PDB file of N, CA and C in Angstrom:
ATOM      1  N   UNK A   1      59.600 140.093 163.905  1.00  0.00           N
ATOM      2  CA  UNK A   1      60.500 140.607 162.902  1.00  0.00           C
ATOM      3  C   UNK A   1      61.667 141.382 163.533  1.00  0.00           C
ATOM      4  N   UNK A   2      61.402 142.019 164.646  1.00  0.00           N
ATOM      5  CA  UNK A   2      62.450 142.804 165.287  1.00  0.00           C
ATOM      6  C   UNK A   2      63.585 141.920 165.796  1.00  0.00           C
ATOM      7  N   UNK A   3      63.280 140.683 166.124  1.00  0.00           N
ATOM      8  CA  UNK A   3      64.296 139.772 166.657  1.00  0.00           C
ATOM      9  C   UNK A   3      65.124 139.113 165.557  1.00  0.00           C
ATOM     10  N   UNK A   4      64.691 139.230 164.316  1.00  0.00           N
ATOM     11  CA  UNK A   4      65.383 138.543 163.223  1.00  0.00           C
ATOM     12  C   UNK A   4      66.875 138.833 163.163  1.00  0.00           C
ATOM     13  N   UNK A   5      67.332 140.101 163.250  1.00  0.00           N
ATOM     14  CA  UNK A   5      68.783 140.350 163.192  1.00  0.00           C
ATOM     15  C   UNK A   5      69.546 139.675 164.326  1.00  0.00           C
ATOM     16  N   UNK A   6      68.954 139.610 165.495  1.00  0.00           N
ATOM     17  CA  UNK A   6      69.620 138.960 166.627  1.00  0.00           C
ATOM     18  C   UNK A   6      69.723 137.462 166.390  1.00  0.00           C
ATOM     19  N   UNK A   7      68.646 136.863 165.943  1.00  0.00           N
ATOM     20  CA  UNK A   7      68.657 135.423 165.675  1.00  0.00           C
ATOM     21  C   UNK A   7      69.605 135.115 164.518  1.00  0.00           C
ATOM     22  N   UNK A   8      69.617 135.957 163.495  1.00  0.00           N
ATOM     23  CA  UNK A   8      70.554 135.775 162.381  1.00  0.00           C
ATOM     24  C   UNK A   8      71.990 135.786 162.875  1.00  0.00           C
ATOM     25  N   UNK A   9      72.304 136.712 163.794  1.00  0.00           N
ATOM     26  CA  UNK A   9      73.666 136.797 164.337  1.00  0.00           C
ATOM     27  C   UNK A   9      74.023 135.542 165.126  1.00  0.00           C
ATOM     28  N   UNK A  10      73.090 135.082 165.959  1.00  0.00           N
ATOM     29  CA  UNK A  10      73.325 133.857 166.728  1.00  0.00           C
ATOM     30  C   UNK A  10      73.557 132.692 165.773  1.00  0.00           C
ATOM     31  N   UNK A  11      72.733 132.610 164.745  1.00  0.00           N
ATOM     32  CA  UNK A  11      72.866 131.530 163.760  1.00  0.00           C
ATOM     33  C   UNK A  11      74.230 131.578 163.069  1.00  0.00           C
ATOM     34  N   UNK A  12      74.682 132.753 162.695  1.00  0.00           N
ATOM     35  CA  UNK A  12      75.984 132.895 162.033  1.00  0.00           C
ATOM     36  C   UNK A  12      77.135 132.611 162.985  1.00  0.00           C
ATOM     37  N   UNK A  13      77.057 133.156 164.185  1.00  0.00           N
ATOM     38  CA  UNK A  13      78.153 132.988 165.153  1.00  0.00           C
ATOM     39  C   UNK A  13      78.323 131.547 165.600  1.00  0.00           C
ATOM     40  N   UNK A  14      77.247 130.780 165.577  1.00  0.00           N
ATOM     41  CA  UNK A  14      77.297 129.413 166.096  1.00  0.00           C
ATOM     42  C   UNK A  14      76.898 128.381 165.040  1.00  0.00           C
ATOM     43  N   UNK A  15      77.199 128.680 163.791  1.00  0.00           N
ATOM     44  CA  UNK A  15      76.784 127.813 162.682  1.00  0.00           C
ATOM     45  C   UNK A  15      77.254 126.371 162.867  1.00  0.00           C
ATOM     46  N   UNK A  16      78.412 126.177 163.461  1.00  0.00           N
ATOM     47  CA  UNK A  16      78.936 124.825 163.658  1.00  0.00           C
ATOM     48  C   UNK A  16      78.312 124.123 164.859  1.00  0.00           C
ATOM     49  N   UNK A  17      77.673 124.890 165.746  1.00  0.00           N
ATOM     50  CA  UNK A  17      77.186 124.344 167.006  1.00  0.00           C
ATOM     51  C   UNK A  17      75.677 124.167 167.085  1.00  0.00           C
ATOM     52  N   UNK A  18      74.933 124.837 166.225  1.00  0.00           N
ATOM     53  CA  UNK A  18      73.478 124.754 166.357  1.00  0.00           C
ATOM     54  C   UNK A  18      72.784 124.915 165.024  1.00  0.00           C
ATOM     55  N   UNK A  19      71.542 124.511 165.020  1.00  0.00           N
ATOM     56  CA  UNK A  19      70.656 124.698 163.872  1.00  0.00           C
ATOM     57  C   UNK A  19      69.493 125.550 164.339  1.00  0.00           C
ATOM     58  N   UNK A  20      69.190 126.580 163.584  1.00  0.00           N
ATOM     59  CA  UNK A  20      68.066 127.443 163.906  1.00  0.00           C
ATOM     60  C   UNK A  20      66.868 126.983 163.094  1.00  0.00           C
ATOM     61  N   UNK A  21      65.790 126.733 163.777  1.00  0.00           N
ATOM     62  CA  UNK A  21      64.538 126.337 163.151  1.00  0.00           C
ATOM     63  C   UNK A  21      63.540 127.450 163.398  1.00  0.00           C
ATOM     64  N   UNK A  22      63.028 128.018 162.331  1.00  0.00           N
ATOM     65  CA  UNK A  22      62.058 129.117 162.442  1.00  0.00           C
ATOM     66  C   UNK A  22      60.703 128.585 162.017  1.00  0.00           C
ATOM     67  N   UNK A  23      59.737 128.750 162.899  1.00  0.00           N
ATOM     68  CA  UNK A  23      58.395 128.242 162.637  1.00  0.00           C
ATOM     69  C   UNK A  23      57.393 129.381 162.623  1.00  0.00           C
ATOM     70  N   UNK A  24      56.463 129.321 161.701  1.00  0.00           N
ATOM     71  CA  UNK A  24      55.354 130.260 161.663  1.00  0.00           C
ATOM     72  C   UNK A  24      54.192 129.584 162.369  1.00  0.00           C
ATOM     73  N   UNK A  25      53.828 130.073 163.536  1.00  0.00           N
ATOM     74  CA  UNK A  25      52.802 129.425 164.347  1.00  0.00           C
ATOM     75  C   UNK A  25      51.422 129.489 163.718  1.00  0.00           C
ATOM     76  N   UNK A  26      51.266 130.282 162.682  1.00  0.00           N
ATOM     77  CA  UNK A  26      49.980 130.364 161.999  1.00  0.00           C
ATOM     78  C   UNK A  26      49.799 129.253 160.971  1.00  0.00           C
ATOM     79  N   UNK A  27      50.857 128.525 160.669  1.00  0.00           N
ATOM     80  CA  UNK A  27      50.777 127.430 159.705  1.00  0.00           C
ATOM     81  C   UNK A  27      50.419 126.135 160.427  1.00  0.00           C
ATOM     82  N   UNK A  28      49.501 125.386 159.827  1.00  0.00           N
ATOM     83  CA  UNK A  28      48.988 124.158 160.452  1.00  0.00           C
ATOM     84  C   UNK A  28      50.079 123.126 160.696  1.00  0.00           C
ATOM     85  N   UNK A  29      51.077 123.047 159.832  1.00  0.00           N
ATOM     86  CA  UNK A  29      52.094 122.010 159.998  1.00  0.00           C
ATOM     87  C   UNK A  29      53.028 122.252 161.177  1.00  0.00           C
ATOM     88  N   UNK A  30      52.883 123.375 161.855  1.00  0.00           N
ATOM     89  CA  UNK A  30      53.698 123.619 163.056  1.00  0.00           C
ATOM     90  C   UNK A  30      53.005 123.149 164.332  1.00  0.00           C
ATOM     91  N   UNK A  31      51.779 122.706 164.228  1.00  0.00           N
ATOM     92  CA  UNK A  31      51.036 122.292 165.432  1.00  0.00           C
ATOM     93  C   UNK A  31      51.723 121.189 166.235  1.00  0.00           C
ATOM     94  N   UNK A  32      52.336 120.198 165.587  1.00  0.00           N
ATOM     95  CA  UNK A  32      53.051 119.200 166.403  1.00  0.00           C
ATOM     96  C   UNK A  32      54.168 119.814 167.247  1.00  0.00           C
ATOM     97  N   UNK A  33      54.862 120.813 166.701  1.00  0.00           N
ATOM     98  CA  UNK A  33      55.909 121.487 167.473  1.00  0.00           C
ATOM     99  C   UNK A  33      55.307 122.290 168.614  1.00  0.00           C
ATOM    100  N   UNK A  34      54.189 122.945 168.330  1.00  0.00           N
ATOM    101  CA  UNK A  34      53.515 123.717 169.374  1.00  0.00           C
ATOM    102  C   UNK A  34      53.086 122.799 170.519  1.00  0.00           C
ATOM    103  N   UNK A  35      52.568 121.635 170.173  1.00  0.00           N
ATOM    104  CA  UNK A  35      52.139 120.684 171.203  1.00  0.00           C
ATOM    105  C   UNK A  35      53.335 120.139 171.977  1.00  0.00           C
ATOM    106  N   UNK A  36      54.402 119.805 171.275  1.00  0.00           N
ATOM    107  CA  UNK A  36      55.575 119.212 171.929  1.00  0.00           C
ATOM    108  C   UNK A  36      56.281 120.195 172.856  1.00  0.00           C
ATOM    109  N   UNK A  37      56.434 121.441 172.388  1.00  0.00           N
ATOM    110  CA  UNK A  37      57.220 122.407 173.148  1.00  0.00           C
ATOM    111  C   UNK A  37      56.379 123.406 173.930  1.00  0.00           C
ATOM    112  N   UNK A  38      55.070 123.382 173.746  1.00  0.00           N
ATOM    113  CA  UNK A  38      54.174 124.185 174.556  1.00  0.00           C
ATOM    114  C   UNK A  38      54.320 125.685 174.407  1.00  0.00           C
ATOM    115  N   UNK A  39      54.619 126.157 173.222  1.00  0.00           N
ATOM    116  CA  UNK A  39      54.696 127.602 173.053  1.00  0.00           C
ATOM    117  C   UNK A  39      53.390 128.144 172.498  1.00  0.00           C
ATOM    118  N   UNK A  40      53.057 129.362 172.951  1.00  0.00           N
ATOM    119  CA  UNK A  40      51.802 129.989 172.544  1.00  0.00           C
ATOM    120  C   UNK A  40      52.007 131.401 172.031  1.00  0.00           C
ATOM    121  N   UNK A  41      53.140 131.993 172.346  1.00  0.00           N
ATOM    122  CA  UNK A  41      53.371 133.383 172.010  1.00  0.00           C
ATOM    123  C   UNK A  41      54.502 133.502 171.007  1.00  0.00           C
ATOM    124  N   UNK A  42      54.465 134.570 170.235  1.00  0.00           N
ATOM    125  CA  UNK A  42      55.547 134.813 169.292  1.00  0.00           C
ATOM    126  C   UNK A  42      56.169 136.165 169.593  1.00  0.00           C
ATOM    127  N   UNK A  43      57.450 136.280 169.486  1.00  0.00           N
ATOM    128  CA  UNK A  43      58.353 135.164 169.253  1.00  0.00           C
ATOM    129  C   UNK A  43      58.679 134.427 170.550  1.00  0.00           C
ATOM    130  N   UNK A  44      58.835 133.143 170.436  1.00  0.00           N
ATOM    131  CA  UNK A  44      59.325 132.303 171.521  1.00  0.00           C
ATOM    132  C   UNK A  44      60.613 131.662 171.041  1.00  0.00           C
ATOM    133  N   UNK A  45      61.645 131.737 171.841  1.00  0.00           N
ATOM    134  CA  UNK A  45      62.935 131.156 171.508  1.00  0.00           C
ATOM    135  C   UNK A  45      63.220 130.035 172.492  1.00  0.00           C
ATOM    136  N   UNK A  46      63.519 128.862 171.949  1.00  0.00           N
ATOM    137  CA  UNK A  46      63.819 127.697 172.778  1.00  0.00           C
ATOM    138  C   UNK A  46      65.157 127.143 172.314  1.00  0.00           C
ATOM    139  N   UNK A  47      66.087 127.004 173.229  1.00  0.00           N
ATOM    140  CA  UNK A  47      67.395 126.443 172.927  1.00  0.00           C
ATOM    141  C   UNK A  47      67.429 125.032 173.507  1.00  0.00           C
ATOM    142  N   UNK A  48      67.686 124.063 172.638  1.00  0.00           N
ATOM    143  CA  UNK A  48      67.736 122.659 173.043  1.00  0.00           C
ATOM    144  C   UNK A  48      69.161 122.150 172.952  1.00  0.00           C
ATOM    145  N   UNK A  49      69.520 121.228 173.839  1.00  0.00           N
ATOM    146  CA  UNK A  49      70.828 120.590 173.743  1.00  0.00           C
ATOM    147  C   UNK A  49      70.743 119.477 172.693  1.00  0.00           C
ATOM    148  N   UNK A  50      71.866 118.838 172.372  1.00  0.00           N
ATOM    149  CA  UNK A  50      71.853 117.803 171.332  1.00  0.00           C
ATOM    150  C   UNK A  50      70.902 116.637 171.614  1.00  0.00           C
ATOM    151  N   UNK A  51      70.561 116.409 172.881  1.00  0.00           N
ATOM    152  CA  UNK A  51      69.635 115.330 173.233  1.00  0.00           C
ATOM    153  C   UNK A  51      68.182 115.786 173.200  1.00  0.00           C
ATOM    154  N   UNK A  52      67.950 117.068 172.895  1.00  0.00           N
ATOM    155  CA  UNK A  52      66.593 117.588 172.823  1.00  0.00           C
ATOM    156  C   UNK A  52      66.056 118.129 174.130  1.00  0.00           C
ATOM    157  N   UNK A  53      66.931 118.263 175.138  1.00  0.00           N
ATOM    158  CA  UNK A  53      66.518 118.825 176.424  1.00  0.00           C
ATOM    159  C   UNK A  53      66.586 120.351 176.361  1.00  0.00           C
ATOM    160  N   UNK A  54      65.596 120.986 176.930  1.00  0.00           N
ATOM    161  CA  UNK A  54      65.537 122.436 176.908  1.00  0.00           C
ATOM    162  C   UNK A  54      66.621 123.048 177.795  1.00  0.00           C
ATOM    163  N   UNK A  55      67.393 123.967 177.208  1.00  0.00           N
ATOM    164  CA  UNK A  55      68.431 124.677 177.945  1.00  0.00           C
ATOM    165  C   UNK A  55      67.983 126.089 178.314  1.00  0.00           C
ATOM    166  N   UNK A  56      67.126 126.668 177.467  1.00  0.00           N
ATOM    167  CA  UNK A  56      66.703 128.044 177.672  1.00  0.00           C
ATOM    168  C   UNK A  56      65.393 128.265 176.925  1.00  0.00           C
ATOM    169  N   UNK A  57      64.548 129.109 177.488  1.00  0.00           N
ATOM    170  CA  UNK A  57      63.311 129.521 176.825  1.00  0.00           C
ATOM    171  C   UNK A  57      63.086 130.983 177.164  1.00  0.00           C
ATOM    172  N   UNK A  58      62.728 131.742 176.172  1.00  0.00           N
ATOM    173  CA  UNK A  58      62.411 133.144 176.385  1.00  0.00           C
ATOM    174  C   UNK A  58      61.326 133.564 175.403  1.00  0.00           C
ATOM    175  N   UNK A  59      60.460 134.427 175.867  1.00  0.00           N
ATOM    176  CA  UNK A  59      59.392 134.977 175.030  1.00  0.00           C
ATOM    177  C   UNK A  59      59.698 136.451 174.832  1.00  0.00           C
ATOM    178  N   UNK A  60      59.632 136.895 173.602  1.00  0.00           N
ATOM    179  CA  UNK A  60      59.886 138.296 173.300  1.00  0.00           C
ATOM    180  C   UNK A  60      61.245 138.478 172.684  1.00  0.00           C
ATOM    181  N   UNK A  61      62.212 138.763 173.494  1.00  0.00           N
ATOM    182  CA  UNK A  61      63.565 139.007 172.991  1.00  0.00           C
ATOM    183  C   UNK A  61      64.499 137.906 173.471  1.00  0.00           C
ATOM    184  N   UNK A  62      65.484 137.629 172.659  1.00  0.00           N
ATOM    185  CA  UNK A  62      66.498 136.653 173.041  1.00  0.00           C
ATOM    186  C   UNK A  62      67.800 137.405 173.272  1.00  0.00           C
ATOM    187  N   UNK A  63      68.500 137.038 174.334  1.00  0.00           N
ATOM    188  CA  UNK A  63      69.772 137.667 174.673  1.00  0.00           C
ATOM    189  C   UNK A  63      70.901 136.853 174.055  1.00  0.00           C
ATOM    190  N   UNK A  64      71.576 137.384 173.044  1.00  0.00           N
ATOM    191  CA  UNK A  64      72.640 136.608 172.408  1.00  0.00           C
ATOM    192  C   UNK A  64      73.786 136.275 173.358  1.00  0.00           C
ATOM    193  N   UNK A  65      74.019 137.110 174.358  1.00  0.00           N
ATOM    194  CA  UNK A  65      75.081 136.816 175.332  1.00  0.00           C
ATOM    195  C   UNK A  65      74.720 135.604 176.183  1.00  0.00           C
ATOM    196  N   UNK A  66      73.444 135.455 176.502  1.00  0.00           N
ATOM    197  CA  UNK A  66      72.999 134.277 177.256  1.00  0.00           C
ATOM    198  C   UNK A  66      73.169 133.012 176.415  1.00  0.00           C
ATOM    199  N   UNK A  67      72.842 133.099 175.138  1.00  0.00           N
ATOM    200  CA  UNK A  67      73.037 131.956 174.240  1.00  0.00           C
ATOM    201  C   UNK A  67      74.522 131.618 174.157  1.00  0.00           C
ATOM    202  N   UNK A  68      75.370 132.637 173.995  1.00  0.00           N
ATOM    203  CA  UNK A  68      76.818 132.415 173.962  1.00  0.00           C
ATOM    204  C   UNK A  68      77.285 131.696 175.217  1.00  0.00           C
ATOM    205  N   UNK A  69      76.820 132.166 176.374  1.00  0.00           N
ATOM    206  CA  UNK A  69      77.238 131.586 177.658  1.00  0.00           C
ATOM    207  C   UNK A  69      76.796 130.127 177.766  1.00  0.00           C
ATOM    208  N   UNK A  70      75.538 129.856 177.420  1.00  0.00           N
ATOM    209  CA  UNK A  70      75.032 128.485 177.511  1.00  0.00           C
ATOM    210  C   UNK A  70      75.786 127.545 176.574  1.00  0.00           C
ATOM    211  N   UNK A  71      76.065 127.991 175.378  1.00  0.00           N
ATOM    212  CA  UNK A  71      76.799 127.132 174.438  1.00  0.00           C
ATOM    213  C   UNK A  71      78.234 126.920 174.883  1.00  0.00           C
ATOM    214  N   UNK A  72      78.833 127.926 175.500  1.00  0.00           N
ATOM    215  CA  UNK A  72      80.216 127.791 175.997  1.00  0.00           C
ATOM    216  C   UNK A  72      80.305 126.821 177.163  1.00  0.00           C
ATOM    217  N   UNK A  73      79.233 126.706 177.955  1.00  0.00           N
ATOM    218  CA  UNK A  73      79.225 125.816 179.126  1.00  0.00           C
ATOM    219  C   UNK A  73      79.002 124.365 178.767  1.00  0.00           C
ATOM    220  N   UNK A  74      78.501 124.119 177.568  1.00  0.00           N
ATOM    221  CA  UNK A  74      78.227 122.732 177.164  1.00  0.00           C
ATOM    222  C   UNK A  74      79.501 121.926 177.109  1.00  0.00           C
ATOM    223  N   UNK A  75      79.410 120.678 177.505  1.00  0.00           N
ATOM    224  CA  UNK A  75      80.621 119.825 177.419  1.00  0.00           C
ATOM    225  C   UNK A  75      80.977 119.512 175.985  1.00  0.00           C
TER     226      UNK A  75
END
């Protein structure tokens, strides 16, 4: 919950560039995502490029400046 304002800001600042998907790991329908992306801890933040390749992964807190930098470097 503490990360929500940061993720909200990233989502707003980059609305044209990314989609934020929020998953509750306690819900059964998220298991395919857990298996595919291998996350076990919450919160886990994974940034994927348009082809689905992982650009960044962090557990705990997400640095919005790092997200800004990674998105700016994309072709």
